[in-house]
Amino acid sequence: MITKRKRKPFIEENAIGQYIRMSPHKARRIIDQIRGRSYETALMILDFMPYRARHPILKLVYSAASNGNHNKDFDKTSLVISKAEVNEGTTIKRLKPRARGRSYLIKKPTCHITIVVTTLDEYEFKPFWYQEPRRKKFIFF
């Protein structure tokens, strides 16, 4: 069955990296630092991080900004990382030979990283814990 992907509104552009060979926990540690930041600030933060997971994330941020610049004529100086998420991918399983003819299973995790950029004009920052205030319902007799 073929399903169509939902079209994104014209104000944002994304880059997706799939099956990246690293733990999702280690990638989330870096993604949390750049979520909601401007494009230039995110590049500075990623340049000075000492973690191995920063390299594929840096490439995805560059790619998302280039996609926005090429496809929708975004100005790179006014871009904001509006959404950045890391999902768990498939686990690659390998066998390691051990003594007496046995073998141990080695699990190599992968992750899928999504970076979405939007222009500064259209961006409205809401923390993930933010909820719209509920209105009280009045009952009239």
C-alpha atoms as a PDB file:
ATOM      1  CA  MET A   1       0.000   0.000   0.000  1.00  0.00           C
ATOM      2  CA  ILE A   2       1.393   3.374  -0.966  1.00  0.00           C
ATOM      3  CA  THR A   3       0.781   6.232   1.421  1.00  0.00           C
ATOM      4  CA  LYS A   4       1.413   9.862   0.683  1.00  0.00           C
ATOM      5  CA  ARG A   5       3.415  11.917   3.132  1.00  0.00           C
ATOM      6  CA  LYS A   6       1.783  14.974   4.582  1.00  0.00           C
ATOM      7  CA  ARG A   7       2.989  18.150   2.946  1.00  0.00           C
ATOM      8  CA  LYS A   8       4.736  20.552   5.280  1.00  0.00           C
ATOM      9  CA  PRO A   9       3.572  24.145   5.321  1.00  0.00           C
ATOM     10  CA  PHE A  10       5.630  26.453   3.177  1.00  0.00           C
ATOM     11  CA  ILE A  11       7.303  28.080   6.180  1.00  0.00           C
ATOM     12  CA  GLU A  12       9.588  25.203   7.188  1.00  0.00           C
ATOM     13  CA  GLU A  13      12.110  22.833   5.662  1.00  0.00           C
ATOM     14  CA  ASN A  14      13.652  19.669   7.046  1.00  0.00           C
ATOM     15  CA  ALA A  15      16.500  17.179   6.788  1.00  0.00           C
ATOM     16  CA  ILE A  16      16.250  13.556   7.901  1.00  0.00           C
ATOM     17  CA  GLY A  17      19.127  11.215   8.675  1.00  0.00           C
ATOM     18  CA  GLN A  18      18.151   7.574   8.962  1.00  0.00           C
ATOM     19  CA  TYR A  19      20.009   4.532  10.289  1.00  0.00           C
ATOM     20  CA  ILE A  20      22.803   6.604  11.834  1.00  0.00           C
ATOM     21  CA  ARG A  21      25.046   4.206  13.686  1.00  0.00           C
ATOM     22  CA  MET A  22      24.977   5.628  17.218  1.00  0.00           C
ATOM     23  CA  SER A  23      22.942   5.360  20.370  1.00  0.00           C
ATOM     24  CA  PRO A  24      19.799   7.532  20.427  1.00  0.00           C
ATOM     25  CA  HIS A  25      20.545   8.517  24.047  1.00  0.00           C
ATOM     26  CA  LYS A  26      23.898   9.996  23.074  1.00  0.00           C
ATOM     27  CA  ALA A  27      22.378  11.847  20.113  1.00  0.00           C
ATOM     28  CA  ARG A  28      19.555  13.268  22.255  1.00  0.00           C
ATOM     29  CA  ARG A  29      22.117  14.768  24.626  1.00  0.00           C
ATOM     30  CA  ILE A  30      23.331  16.994  21.783  1.00  0.00           C
ATOM     31  CA  ILE A  31      19.968  17.618  20.106  1.00  0.00           C
ATOM     32  CA  ASP A  32      18.599  19.030  23.379  1.00  0.00           C
ATOM     33  CA  GLN A  33      21.325  21.697  23.331  1.00  0.00           C
ATOM     34  CA  ILE A  34      20.423  23.086  19.886  1.00  0.00           C
ATOM     35  CA  ARG A  35      16.624  22.805  19.845  1.00  0.00           C
ATOM     36  CA  GLY A  36      15.025  26.252  19.596  1.00  0.00           C
ATOM     37  CA  ARG A  37      18.302  28.049  18.826  1.00  0.00           C
ATOM     38  CA  SER A  38      19.141  30.115  15.787  1.00  0.00           C
ATOM     39  CA  TYR A  39      21.051  28.482  12.935  1.00  0.00           C
ATOM     40  CA  GLU A  40      24.305  30.361  13.573  1.00  0.00           C
ATOM     41  CA  THR A  41      24.203  29.743  17.330  1.00  0.00           C
ATOM     42  CA  ALA A  42      23.566  26.038  16.761  1.00  0.00           C
ATOM     43  CA  LEU A  43      26.599  25.819  14.465  1.00  0.00           C
ATOM     44  CA  MET A  44      28.793  27.481  17.101  1.00  0.00           C
ATOM     45  CA  ILE A  45      27.540  25.137  19.817  1.00  0.00           C
ATOM     46  CA  LEU A  46      28.102  22.066  17.645  1.00  0.00           C
ATOM     47  CA  ASP A  47      31.598  23.165  16.623  1.00  0.00           C
ATOM     48  CA  PHE A  48      32.829  23.216  20.210  1.00  0.00           C
ATOM     49  CA  MET A  49      31.163  20.066  21.518  1.00  0.00           C
ATOM     50  CA  PRO A  50      33.585  17.228  22.312  1.00  0.00           C
ATOM     51  CA  TYR A  51      31.163  14.398  21.446  1.00  0.00           C
ATOM     52  CA  ARG A  52      31.278  12.015  18.504  1.00  0.00           C
ATOM     53  CA  ALA A  53      27.528  12.382  17.922  1.00  0.00           C
ATOM     54  CA  ARG A  54      27.913  16.030  16.925  1.00  0.00           C
ATOM     55  CA  HIS A  55      29.299  15.277  13.456  1.00  0.00           C
ATOM     56  CA  PRO A  56      26.171  13.723  11.824  1.00  0.00           C
ATOM     57  CA  ILE A  57      23.969  16.296  13.582  1.00  0.00           C
ATOM     58  CA  LEU A  58      26.141  19.123  12.237  1.00  0.00           C
ATOM     59  CA  LYS A  59      25.793  17.710   8.722  1.00  0.00           C
ATOM     60  CA  LEU A  60      22.004  17.532   9.110  1.00  0.00           C
ATOM     61  CA  VAL A  61      21.774  21.133  10.344  1.00  0.00           C
ATOM     62  CA  TYR A  62      23.824  22.267   7.336  1.00  0.00           C
ATOM     63  CA  SER A  63      21.604  20.185   5.048  1.00  0.00           C
ATOM     64  CA  ALA A  64      18.336  21.535   6.486  1.00  0.00           C
ATOM     65  CA  ALA A  65      19.554  25.123   6.085  1.00  0.00           C
ATOM     66  CA  SER A  66      20.694  24.447   2.519  1.00  0.00           C
ATOM     67  CA  ASN A  67      17.337  22.833   1.722  1.00  0.00           C
ATOM     68  CA  GLY A  68      15.543  25.912   3.009  1.00  0.00           C
ATOM     69  CA  ASN A  69      17.848  28.237   1.099  1.00  0.00           C
ATOM     70  CA  HIS A  70      17.566  26.314  -2.177  1.00  0.00           C
ATOM     71  CA  ASN A  71      13.936  25.184  -2.137  1.00  0.00           C
ATOM     72  CA  LYS A  72      12.182  28.081  -0.410  1.00  0.00           C
ATOM     73  CA  ASP A  73      14.637  30.995  -0.587  1.00  0.00           C
ATOM     74  CA  PHE A  74      15.139  31.260   3.176  1.00  0.00           C
ATOM     75  CA  ASP A  75      17.853  33.586   4.410  1.00  0.00           C
ATOM     76  CA  LYS A  76      20.313  31.506   6.450  1.00  0.00           C
ATOM     77  CA  THR A  77      20.811  34.287   8.989  1.00  0.00           C
ATOM     78  CA  SER A  78      17.121  34.264   9.946  1.00  0.00           C
ATOM     79  CA  LEU A  79      16.703  30.499  10.406  1.00  0.00           C
ATOM     80  CA  VAL A  80      15.724  28.851  13.685  1.00  0.00           C
ATOM     81  CA  ILE A  81      15.804  25.144  14.531  1.00  0.00           C
ATOM     82  CA  SER A  82      12.127  24.772  15.333  1.00  0.00           C
ATOM     83  CA  LYS A  83      12.046  21.006  15.736  1.00  0.00           C
ATOM     84  CA  ALA A  84      14.828  18.521  16.387  1.00  0.00           C
ATOM     85  CA  GLU A  85      14.117  14.949  17.352  1.00  0.00           C
ATOM     86  CA  VAL A  86      15.914  11.640  17.664  1.00  0.00           C
ATOM     87  CA  ASN A  87      14.033   8.379  17.232  1.00  0.00           C
ATOM     88  CA  GLU A  88      15.321   4.897  17.812  1.00  0.00           C
ATOM     89  CA  GLY A  89      16.164   2.943  14.663  1.00  0.00           C
ATOM     90  CA  THR A  90      16.630  -0.754  14.111  1.00  0.00           C
ATOM     91  CA  THR A  91      19.243  -2.554  16.173  1.00  0.00           C
ATOM     92  CA  ILE A  92      21.979  -4.305  14.204  1.00  0.00           C
ATOM     93  CA  LYS A  93      22.747  -7.687  15.766  1.00  0.00           C
ATOM     94  CA  ARG A  94      26.112  -9.433  15.485  1.00  0.00           C
ATOM     95  CA  LEU A  95      27.505 -12.591  17.057  1.00  0.00           C
ATOM     96  CA  LYS A  96      30.826 -12.618  18.886  1.00  0.00           C
ATOM     97  CA  PRO A  97      32.524 -16.019  19.228  1.00  0.00           C
ATOM     98  CA  ARG A  98      33.272 -17.055  22.814  1.00  0.00           C
ATOM     99  CA  ALA A  99      34.872 -20.014  24.534  1.00  0.00           C
ATOM    100  CA  ARG A 100      33.593 -23.591  24.156  1.00  0.00           C
ATOM    101  CA  GLY A 101      31.784 -22.891  20.894  1.00  0.00           C
ATOM    102  CA  ARG A 102      29.387 -20.392  22.352  1.00  0.00           C
ATOM    103  CA  SER A 103      28.546 -16.966  20.992  1.00  0.00           C
ATOM    104  CA  TYR A 104      27.353 -13.740  22.540  1.00  0.00           C
ATOM    105  CA  LEU A 105      24.956 -11.333  20.889  1.00  0.00           C
ATOM    106  CA  ILE A 106      26.302  -7.828  20.262  1.00  0.00           C
ATOM    107  CA  LYS A 107      23.644  -5.155  19.726  1.00  0.00           C
ATOM    108  CA  LYS A 108      24.599  -2.079  17.713  1.00  0.00           C
ATOM    109  CA  PRO A 109      21.930   0.627  18.030  1.00  0.00           C
ATOM    110  CA  THR A 110      20.950   3.029  15.245  1.00  0.00           C
ATOM    111  CA  CYS A 111      18.872   6.193  15.297  1.00  0.00           C
ATOM    112  CA  HIS A 112      16.866   8.454  13.013  1.00  0.00           C
ATOM    113  CA  ILE A 113      17.470  12.199  13.394  1.00  0.00           C
ATOM    114  CA  THR A 114      15.081  14.872  12.097  1.00  0.00           C
ATOM    115  CA  ILE A 115      15.986  18.574  11.963  1.00  0.00           C
ATOM    116  CA  VAL A 116      13.321  21.136  10.973  1.00  0.00           C
ATOM    117  CA  VAL A 117      14.213  24.778  10.363  1.00  0.00           C
ATOM    118  CA  THR A 118      11.870  27.714   9.962  1.00  0.00           C
ATOM    119  CA  THR A 119      12.265  31.450   9.542  1.00  0.00           C
ATOM    120  CA  LEU A 120      12.484  33.685  12.581  1.00  0.00           C
ATOM    121  CA  ASP A 121       9.304  35.539  11.541  1.00  0.00           C
ATOM    122  CA  GLU A 122       7.106  32.440  11.747  1.00  0.00           C
ATOM    123  CA  TYR A 123       8.713  30.832  14.798  1.00  0.00           C
ATOM    124  CA  GLU A 124       6.985  30.856  18.162  1.00  0.00           C
ATOM    125  CA  PHE A 125       8.892  29.089  20.923  1.00  0.00           C
ATOM    126  CA  LYS A 126       6.867  26.875  23.228  1.00  0.00           C
ATOM    127  CA  PRO A 127       8.647  24.523  25.635  1.00  0.00           C
ATOM    128  CA  PHE A 128       7.586  20.894  25.447  1.00  0.00           C
ATOM    129  CA  TRP A 129       5.943  21.112  28.879  1.00  0.00           C
ATOM    130  CA  TYR A 130       3.786  24.116  27.897  1.00  0.00           C
ATOM    131  CA  GLN A 131       0.038  23.567  27.705  1.00  0.00           C
ATOM    132  CA  GLU A 132      -2.641  25.995  26.690  1.00  0.00           C
ATOM    133  CA  PRO A 133      -4.554  27.222  29.759  1.00  0.00           C
ATOM    134  CA  ARG A 134      -7.899  25.546  30.131  1.00  0.00           C
ATOM    135  CA  ARG A 135     -11.005  27.650  30.442  1.00  0.00           C
ATOM    136  CA  LYS A 136     -13.457  26.902  33.153  1.00  0.00           C
ATOM    137  CA  LYS A 137     -16.808  25.717  31.951  1.00  0.00           C
ATOM    138  CA  PHE A 138     -19.674  27.592  33.491  1.00  0.00           C
ATOM    139  CA  ILE A 139     -23.011  25.915  33.796  1.00  0.00           C
ATOM    140  CA  PHE A 140     -25.959  28.255  33.474  1.00  0.00           C
ATOM    141  CA  PHE A 141     -29.369  27.195  34.724  1.00  0.00           C
END
